[in-house]
Amino acid sequence: MLRSFRESLQKIVPIVKADQSIRTIGGPSWLNATNTYGSMKERLGFEISDTDPEILARHFKDEKRAVKDAIMTRERFLELYDSGE
């Protein structure tokens, strides 16, 4: 599964390179708060952190599970996933 995620991230490299307004890759999800997916995303280069309370209130008000952010900077993303092809 990790390989499939890496391959998928490599497929969006051209989009990120073409759009300079993209500053970060990732976002909030309850999946990021799980040991399985949170640790997998860390191995992919994402940083797992607490989600802004305002975002939680606006977008996750009915979510009973914990929600975390998985975020990677544009620079880090391109460093990891742009093979230069």
PDB file of N, CA and C in Angstrom:
ATOM      1  N   MET A   1       0.822  -1.182   0.000  1.00  0.00           N
ATOM      2  CA  MET A   1       0.000   0.000   0.000  1.00  0.00           C
ATOM      3  C   MET A   1       0.873   1.256   0.000  1.00  0.00           C
ATOM      4  N   LEU A   2       1.972   1.220   0.729  1.00  0.00           N
ATOM      5  CA  LEU A   2       2.873   2.363   0.769  1.00  0.00           C
ATOM      6  C   LEU A   2       3.379   2.702  -0.633  1.00  0.00           C
ATOM      7  N   ARG A   3       3.711   1.674  -1.402  1.00  0.00           N
ATOM      8  CA  ARG A   3       4.182   1.888  -2.765  1.00  0.00           C
ATOM      9  C   ARG A   3       3.112   2.557  -3.628  1.00  0.00           C
ATOM     10  N   SER A   4       1.867   2.144  -3.474  1.00  0.00           N
ATOM     11  CA  SER A   4       0.764   2.746  -4.232  1.00  0.00           C
ATOM     12  C   SER A   4       0.605   4.222  -3.897  1.00  0.00           C
ATOM     13  N   PHE A   5       0.742   4.561  -2.618  1.00  0.00           N
ATOM     14  CA  PHE A   5       0.658   5.963  -2.218  1.00  0.00           C
ATOM     15  C   PHE A   5       1.813   6.759  -2.826  1.00  0.00           C
ATOM     16  N   ARG A   6       3.025   6.216  -2.777  1.00  0.00           N
ATOM     17  CA  ARG A   6       4.181   6.917  -3.363  1.00  0.00           C
ATOM     18  C   ARG A   6       3.970   7.159  -4.855  1.00  0.00           C
ATOM     19  N   GLU A   7       3.504   6.135  -5.558  1.00  0.00           N
ATOM     20  CA  GLU A   7       3.258   6.262  -7.000  1.00  0.00           C
ATOM     21  C   GLU A   7       2.195   7.321  -7.275  1.00  0.00           C
ATOM     22  N   SER A   8       1.175   7.368  -6.448  1.00  0.00           N
ATOM     23  CA  SER A   8       0.124   8.375  -6.606  1.00  0.00           C
ATOM     24  C   SER A   8       0.662   9.783  -6.365  1.00  0.00           C
ATOM     25  N   LEU A   9       1.499   9.936  -5.358  1.00  0.00           N
ATOM     26  CA  LEU A   9       2.090  11.247  -5.087  1.00  0.00           C
ATOM     27  C   LEU A   9       2.987  11.689  -6.241  1.00  0.00           C
ATOM     28  N   GLN A  10       3.708  10.772  -6.830  1.00  0.00           N
ATOM     29  CA  GLN A  10       4.553  11.108  -7.975  1.00  0.00           C
ATOM     30  C   GLN A  10       3.722  11.596  -9.162  1.00  0.00           C
ATOM     31  N   LYS A  11       2.514  11.105  -9.286  1.00  0.00           N
ATOM     32  CA  LYS A  11       1.645  11.513 -10.405  1.00  0.00           C
ATOM     33  C   LYS A  11       1.168  12.957 -10.289  1.00  0.00           C
ATOM     34  N   ILE A  12       1.161  13.521  -9.079  1.00  0.00           N
ATOM     35  CA  ILE A  12       0.720  14.913  -8.956  1.00  0.00           C
ATOM     36  C   ILE A  12       1.874  15.914  -8.997  1.00  0.00           C
ATOM     37  N   VAL A  13       3.096  15.433  -9.141  1.00  0.00           N
ATOM     38  CA  VAL A  13       4.257  16.324  -9.240  1.00  0.00           C
ATOM     39  C   VAL A  13       4.068  17.371 -10.343  1.00  0.00           C
ATOM     40  N   PRO A  14       3.637  16.996 -11.565  1.00  0.00           N
ATOM     41  CA  PRO A  14       3.479  18.025 -12.607  1.00  0.00           C
ATOM     42  C   PRO A  14       2.481  19.121 -12.227  1.00  0.00           C
ATOM     43  N   ILE A  15       1.449  18.768 -11.498  1.00  0.00           N
ATOM     44  CA  ILE A  15       0.458  19.761 -11.073  1.00  0.00           C
ATOM     45  C   ILE A  15       1.086  20.729 -10.083  1.00  0.00           C
ATOM     46  N   VAL A  16       1.817  20.197  -9.121  1.00  0.00           N
ATOM     47  CA  VAL A  16       2.460  21.037  -8.105  1.00  0.00           C
ATOM     48  C   VAL A  16       3.514  21.937  -8.752  1.00  0.00           C
ATOM     49  N   LYS A  17       4.303  21.378  -9.669  1.00  0.00           N
ATOM     50  CA  LYS A  17       5.339  22.173 -10.336  1.00  0.00           C
ATOM     51  C   LYS A  17       4.742  23.289 -11.178  1.00  0.00           C
ATOM     52  N   ALA A  18       3.601  23.030 -11.801  1.00  0.00           N
ATOM     53  CA  ALA A  18       2.979  24.015 -12.693  1.00  0.00           C
ATOM     54  C   ALA A  18       2.251  25.128 -11.949  1.00  0.00           C
ATOM     55  N   ASP A  19       1.830  24.881 -10.740  1.00  0.00           N
ATOM     56  CA  ASP A  19       1.041  25.852  -9.987  1.00  0.00           C
ATOM     57  C   ASP A  19       1.827  26.348  -8.773  1.00  0.00           C
ATOM     58  N   GLN A  20       2.462  27.487  -8.927  1.00  0.00           N
ATOM     59  CA  GLN A  20       3.288  28.060  -7.862  1.00  0.00           C
ATOM     60  C   GLN A  20       2.490  28.455  -6.628  1.00  0.00           C
ATOM     61  N   SER A  21       1.168  28.548  -6.750  1.00  0.00           N
ATOM     62  CA  SER A  21       0.358  28.927  -5.593  1.00  0.00           C
ATOM     63  C   SER A  21       0.197  27.769  -4.603  1.00  0.00           C
ATOM     64  N   ILE A  22       0.522  26.557  -5.009  1.00  0.00           N
ATOM     65  CA  ILE A  22       0.458  25.411  -4.099  1.00  0.00           C
ATOM     66  C   ILE A  22       1.661  25.492  -3.167  1.00  0.00           C
ATOM     67  N   ARG A  23       1.392  25.755  -1.895  1.00  0.00           N
ATOM     68  CA  ARG A  23       2.471  25.906  -0.903  1.00  0.00           C
ATOM     69  C   ARG A  23       2.602  24.687  -0.002  1.00  0.00           C
ATOM     70  N   THR A  24       1.495  23.950   0.185  1.00  0.00           N
ATOM     71  CA  THR A  24       1.528  22.747   1.009  1.00  0.00           C
ATOM     72  C   THR A  24       0.689  21.655   0.354  1.00  0.00           C
ATOM     73  N   ILE A  25       1.004  20.414   0.701  1.00  0.00           N
ATOM     74  CA  ILE A  25       0.268  19.255   0.230  1.00  0.00           C
ATOM     75  C   ILE A  25      -0.238  18.554   1.478  1.00  0.00           C
ATOM     76  N   GLY A  26      -1.499  18.194   1.479  1.00  0.00           N
ATOM     77  CA  GLY A  26      -2.067  17.474   2.616  1.00  0.00           C
ATOM     78  C   GLY A  26      -3.291  18.162   3.153  1.00  0.00           C
ATOM     79  N   GLY A  27      -3.668  17.773   4.364  1.00  0.00           N
ATOM     80  CA  GLY A  27      -4.828  18.359   5.002  1.00  0.00           C
ATOM     81  C   GLY A  27      -5.295  17.521   6.164  1.00  0.00           C
ATOM     82  N   PRO A  28      -6.426  17.922   6.768  1.00  0.00           N
ATOM     83  CA  PRO A  28      -6.927  17.234   7.944  1.00  0.00           C
ATOM     84  C   PRO A  28      -7.770  16.009   7.601  1.00  0.00           C
ATOM     85  N   SER A  29      -7.708  15.006   8.459  1.00  0.00           N
ATOM     86  CA  SER A  29      -8.537  13.813   8.336  1.00  0.00           C
ATOM     87  C   SER A  29      -8.451  13.015   9.627  1.00  0.00           C
ATOM     88  N   TRP A  30      -9.488  12.266   9.911  1.00  0.00           N
ATOM     89  CA  TRP A  30      -9.434  11.365  11.063  1.00  0.00           C
ATOM     90  C   TRP A  30      -8.448  10.240  10.790  1.00  0.00           C
ATOM     91  N   LEU A  31      -8.233   9.894   9.519  1.00  0.00           N
ATOM     92  CA  LEU A  31      -7.273   8.842   9.180  1.00  0.00           C
ATOM     93  C   LEU A  31      -5.863   9.202   9.642  1.00  0.00           C
ATOM     94  N   ASN A  32      -5.534  10.489   9.595  1.00  0.00           N
ATOM     95  CA  ASN A  32      -4.204  10.927  10.020  1.00  0.00           C
ATOM     96  C   ASN A  32      -3.965  10.695  11.506  1.00  0.00           C
ATOM     97  N   ALA A  33      -5.029  10.570  12.267  1.00  0.00           N
ATOM     98  CA  ALA A  33      -4.913  10.368  13.711  1.00  0.00           C
ATOM     99  C   ALA A  33      -4.771   8.896  14.089  1.00  0.00           C
ATOM    100  N   THR A  34      -4.870   8.007  13.118  1.00  0.00           N
ATOM    101  CA  THR A  34      -4.747   6.584  13.421  1.00  0.00           C
ATOM    102  C   THR A  34      -3.282   6.156  13.360  1.00  0.00           C
ATOM    103  N   ASN A  35      -2.949   5.130  14.118  1.00  0.00           N
ATOM    104  CA  ASN A  35      -1.581   4.613  14.088  1.00  0.00           C
ATOM    105  C   ASN A  35      -1.217   4.116  12.692  1.00  0.00           C
ATOM    106  N   THR A  36      -2.130   3.441  12.036  1.00  0.00           N
ATOM    107  CA  THR A  36      -1.845   2.855  10.728  1.00  0.00           C
ATOM    108  C   THR A  36      -1.573   3.928   9.677  1.00  0.00           C
ATOM    109  N   TYR A  37      -2.542   4.802   9.443  1.00  0.00           N
ATOM    110  CA  TYR A  37      -2.395   5.783   8.369  1.00  0.00           C
ATOM    111  C   TYR A  37      -1.519   6.960   8.769  1.00  0.00           C
ATOM    112  N   GLY A  38      -1.588   7.368  10.022  1.00  0.00           N
ATOM    113  CA  GLY A  38      -0.735   8.469  10.468  1.00  0.00           C
ATOM    114  C   GLY A  38       0.737   8.122  10.340  1.00  0.00           C
ATOM    115  N   SER A  39       1.114   6.933  10.781  1.00  0.00           N
ATOM    116  CA  SER A  39       2.522   6.548  10.687  1.00  0.00           C
ATOM    117  C   SER A  39       2.929   6.297   9.235  1.00  0.00           C
ATOM    118  N   MET A  40       2.007   5.789   8.413  1.00  0.00           N
ATOM    119  CA  MET A  40       2.321   5.602   7.002  1.00  0.00           C
ATOM    120  C   MET A  40       2.578   6.959   6.332  1.00  0.00           C
ATOM    121  N   LYS A  41       1.754   7.937   6.650  1.00  0.00           N
ATOM    122  CA  LYS A  41       1.939   9.264   6.054  1.00  0.00           C
ATOM    123  C   LYS A  41       3.241   9.903   6.533  1.00  0.00           C
ATOM    124  N   GLU A  42       3.637   9.640   7.763  1.00  0.00           N
ATOM    125  CA  GLU A  42       4.941  10.127   8.226  1.00  0.00           C
ATOM    126  C   GLU A  42       6.061   9.490   7.413  1.00  0.00           C
ATOM    127  N   ARG A  43       5.960   8.216   7.119  1.00  0.00           N
ATOM    128  CA  ARG A  43       6.978   7.550   6.294  1.00  0.00           C
ATOM    129  C   ARG A  43       6.996   8.115   4.870  1.00  0.00           C
ATOM    130  N   LEU A  44       5.877   8.661   4.433  1.00  0.00           N
ATOM    131  CA  LEU A  44       5.806   9.284   3.112  1.00  0.00           C
ATOM    132  C   LEU A  44       6.336  10.718   3.126  1.00  0.00           C
ATOM    133  N   GLY A  45       6.636  11.257   4.313  1.00  0.00           N
ATOM    134  CA  GLY A  45       7.212  12.590   4.412  1.00  0.00           C
ATOM    135  C   GLY A  45       6.298  13.657   4.978  1.00  0.00           C
ATOM    136  N   PHE A  46       5.082  13.291   5.331  1.00  0.00           N
ATOM    137  CA  PHE A  46       4.147  14.252   5.908  1.00  0.00           C
ATOM    138  C   PHE A  46       4.437  14.449   7.389  1.00  0.00           C
ATOM    139  N   GLU A  47       4.142  15.637   7.878  1.00  0.00           N
ATOM    140  CA  GLU A  47       4.212  15.918   9.308  1.00  0.00           C
ATOM    141  C   GLU A  47       2.796  15.848   9.856  1.00  0.00           C
ATOM    142  N   ILE A  48       2.613  15.081  10.908  1.00  0.00           N
ATOM    143  CA  ILE A  48       1.308  14.938  11.545  1.00  0.00           C
ATOM    144  C   ILE A  48       1.238  15.917  12.711  1.00  0.00           C
ATOM    145  N   SER A  49       0.159  16.691  12.755  1.00  0.00           N
ATOM    146  CA  SER A  49       0.010  17.679  13.828  1.00  0.00           C
ATOM    147  C   SER A  49      -1.467  17.893  14.141  1.00  0.00           C
ATOM    148  N   ASP A  50      -1.713  18.615  15.226  1.00  0.00           N
ATOM    149  CA  ASP A  50      -3.084  18.934  15.605  1.00  0.00           C
ATOM    150  C   ASP A  50      -3.708  19.858  14.561  1.00  0.00           C
ATOM    151  N   THR A  51      -4.988  19.681  14.345  1.00  0.00           N
ATOM    152  CA  THR A  51      -5.739  20.513  13.410  1.00  0.00           C
ATOM    153  C   THR A  51      -6.222  21.768  14.123  1.00  0.00           C
ATOM    154  N   ASP A  52      -6.183  22.876  13.435  1.00  0.00           N
ATOM    155  CA  ASP A  52      -6.656  24.146  13.968  1.00  0.00           C
ATOM    156  C   ASP A  52      -8.098  23.983  14.484  1.00  0.00           C
ATOM    157  N   PRO A  53      -8.374  24.430  15.709  1.00  0.00           N
ATOM    158  CA  PRO A  53      -9.729  24.292  16.272  1.00  0.00           C
ATOM    159  C   PRO A  53     -10.818  24.927  15.399  1.00  0.00           C
ATOM    160  N   GLU A  54     -10.486  26.017  14.725  1.00  0.00           N
ATOM    161  CA  GLU A  54     -11.465  26.675  13.842  1.00  0.00           C
ATOM    162  C   GLU A  54     -11.832  25.752  12.664  1.00  0.00           C
ATOM    163  N   ILE A  55     -10.839  25.066  12.099  1.00  0.00           N
ATOM    164  CA  ILE A  55     -11.089  24.109  11.010  1.00  0.00           C
ATOM    165  C   ILE A  55     -11.938  22.952  11.532  1.00  0.00           C
ATOM    166  N   LEU A  56     -11.600  22.463  12.729  1.00  0.00           N
ATOM    167  CA  LEU A  56     -12.396  21.383  13.327  1.00  0.00           C
ATOM    168  C   LEU A  56     -13.852  21.795  13.483  1.00  0.00           C
ATOM    169  N   ALA A  57     -14.071  23.004  14.021  1.00  0.00           N
ATOM    170  CA  ALA A  57     -15.436  23.483  14.249  1.00  0.00           C
ATOM    171  C   ALA A  57     -16.198  23.678  12.945  1.00  0.00           C
ATOM    172  N   ARG A  58     -15.519  24.126  11.918  1.00  0.00           N
ATOM    173  CA  ARG A  58     -16.177  24.415  10.645  1.00  0.00           C
ATOM    174  C   ARG A  58     -16.436  23.155   9.819  1.00  0.00           C
ATOM    175  N   HIS A  59     -15.452  22.245   9.774  1.00  0.00           N
ATOM    176  CA  HIS A  59     -15.541  21.125   8.834  1.00  0.00           C
ATOM    177  C   HIS A  59     -15.716  19.751   9.477  1.00  0.00           C
ATOM    178  N   PHE A  60     -15.486  19.647  10.774  1.00  0.00           N
ATOM    179  CA  PHE A  60     -15.524  18.341  11.431  1.00  0.00           C
ATOM    180  C   PHE A  60     -16.390  18.362  12.700  1.00  0.00           C
ATOM    181  N   LYS A  61     -17.377  19.255  12.737  1.00  0.00           N
ATOM    182  CA  LYS A  61     -18.159  19.431  13.962  1.00  0.00           C
ATOM    183  C   LYS A  61     -18.896  18.164  14.390  1.00  0.00           C
ATOM    184  N   ASP A  62     -19.255  17.290  13.454  1.00  0.00           N
ATOM    185  CA  ASP A  62     -19.969  16.062  13.802  1.00  0.00           C
ATOM    186  C   ASP A  62     -19.058  14.842  13.905  1.00  0.00           C
ATOM    187  N   GLU A  63     -17.769  15.034  13.685  1.00  0.00           N
ATOM    188  CA  GLU A  63     -16.820  13.917  13.721  1.00  0.00           C
ATOM    189  C   GLU A  63     -16.514  13.553  15.171  1.00  0.00           C
ATOM    190  N   LYS A  64     -16.717  12.307  15.511  1.00  0.00           N
ATOM    191  CA  LYS A  64     -16.462  11.830  16.873  1.00  0.00           C
ATOM    192  C   LYS A  64     -15.024  11.353  17.061  1.00  0.00           C
ATOM    193  N   ARG A  65     -14.362  11.013  15.956  1.00  0.00           N
ATOM    194  CA  ARG A  65     -12.976  10.531  16.042  1.00  0.00           C
ATOM    195  C   ARG A  65     -12.014  11.714  16.058  1.00  0.00           C
ATOM    196  N   ALA A  66     -10.819  11.473  16.552  1.00  0.00           N
ATOM    197  CA  ALA A  66      -9.782  12.508  16.541  1.00  0.00           C
ATOM    198  C   ALA A  66      -9.430  12.855  15.091  1.00  0.00           C
ATOM    199  N   VAL A  67      -9.084  14.104  14.865  1.00  0.00           N
ATOM    200  CA  VAL A  67      -8.687  14.589  13.539  1.00  0.00           C
ATOM    201  C   VAL A  67      -7.303  15.213  13.658  1.00  0.00           C
ATOM    202  N   LYS A  68      -6.422  14.871  12.741  1.00  0.00           N
ATOM    203  CA  LYS A  68      -5.069  15.442  12.698  1.00  0.00           C
ATOM    204  C   LYS A  68      -4.775  15.928  11.279  1.00  0.00           C
ATOM    205  N   ASP A  69      -3.828  16.842  11.191  1.00  0.00           N
ATOM    206  CA  ASP A  69      -3.335  17.305   9.889  1.00  0.00           C
ATOM    207  C   ASP A  69      -2.162  16.442   9.448  1.00  0.00           C
ATOM    208  N   ALA A  70      -2.074  16.200   8.161  1.00  0.00           N
ATOM    209  CA  ALA A  70      -0.881  15.605   7.550  1.00  0.00           C
ATOM    210  C   ALA A  70      -0.461  16.589   6.464  1.00  0.00           C
ATOM    211  N   ILE A  71       0.647  17.283   6.694  1.00  0.00           N
ATOM    212  CA  ILE A  71       1.057  18.382   5.821  1.00  0.00           C
ATOM    213  C   ILE A  71       2.525  18.211   5.420  1.00  0.00           C
ATOM    214  N   MET A  72       2.789  18.589   4.178  1.00  0.00           N
ATOM    215  CA  MET A  72       4.159  18.606   3.668  1.00  0.00           C
ATOM    216  C   MET A  72       4.321  19.902   2.864  1.00  0.00           C
ATOM    217  N   THR A  73       5.461  20.556   3.020  1.00  0.00           N
ATOM    218  CA  THR A  73       5.695  21.766   2.232  1.00  0.00           C
ATOM    219  C   THR A  73       5.904  21.395   0.768  1.00  0.00           C
ATOM    220  N   ARG A  74       5.664  22.345  -0.072  1.00  0.00           N
ATOM    221  CA  ARG A  74       5.882  22.177  -1.508  1.00  0.00           C
ATOM    222  C   ARG A  74       7.317  21.731  -1.782  1.00  0.00           C
ATOM    223  N   GLU A  75       8.267  22.404  -1.135  1.00  0.00           N
ATOM    224  CA  GLU A  75       9.674  22.107  -1.359  1.00  0.00           C
ATOM    225  C   GLU A  75      10.011  20.666  -0.971  1.00  0.00           C
ATOM    226  N   ARG A  76       9.526  20.263   0.188  1.00  0.00           N
ATOM    227  CA  ARG A  76       9.781  18.896   0.649  1.00  0.00           C
ATOM    228  C   ARG A  76       9.122  17.878  -0.280  1.00  0.00           C
ATOM    229  N   PHE A  77       7.910  18.168  -0.710  1.00  0.00           N
ATOM    230  CA  PHE A  77       7.196  17.284  -1.622  1.00  0.00           C
ATOM    231  C   PHE A  77       7.991  17.079  -2.907  1.00  0.00           C
ATOM    232  N   LEU A  78       8.444  18.183  -3.508  1.00  0.00           N
ATOM    233  CA  LEU A  78       9.196  18.068  -4.765  1.00  0.00           C
ATOM    234  C   LEU A  78      10.541  17.382  -4.545  1.00  0.00           C
ATOM    235  N   GLU A  79      11.160  17.626  -3.416  1.00  0.00           N
ATOM    236  CA  GLU A  79      12.419  16.960  -3.081  1.00  0.00           C
ATOM    237  C   GLU A  79      12.229  15.436  -3.022  1.00  0.00           C
ATOM    238  N   LEU A  80      11.129  15.010  -2.446  1.00  0.00           N
ATOM    239  CA  LEU A  80      10.875  13.572  -2.274  1.00  0.00           C
ATOM    240  C   LEU A  80      10.320  12.885  -3.524  1.00  0.00           C
ATOM    241  N   TYR A  81       9.469  13.587  -4.289  1.00  0.00           N
ATOM    242  CA  TYR A  81       8.699  12.905  -5.323  1.00  0.00           C
ATOM    243  C   TYR A  81       8.975  13.328  -6.757  1.00  0.00           C
ATOM    244  N   ASP A  82       9.756  14.374  -6.965  1.00  0.00           N
ATOM    245  CA  ASP A  82      10.082  14.792  -8.335  1.00  0.00           C
ATOM    246  C   ASP A  82      11.360  14.082  -8.768  1.00  0.00           C
ATOM    247  N   SER A  83      11.197  13.117  -9.617  1.00  0.00           N
ATOM    248  CA  SER A  83      12.347  12.347 -10.079  1.00  0.00           C
ATOM    249  C   SER A  83      13.110  13.072 -11.191  1.00  0.00           C
ATOM    250  N   GLY A  84      12.612  14.235 -11.599  1.00  0.00           N
ATOM    251  CA  GLY A  84      13.306  15.024 -12.616  1.00  0.00           C
ATOM    252  C   GLY A  84      13.036  14.593 -14.041  1.00  0.00           C
ATOM    253  N   GLU A  85      12.064  13.745 -14.234  1.00  0.00           N
ATOM    254  CA  GLU A  85      11.758  13.272 -15.598  1.00  0.00           C
ATOM    255  C   GLU A  85      10.976  14.296 -16.367  1.00  0.00           C
TER     256      GLU A  85
END
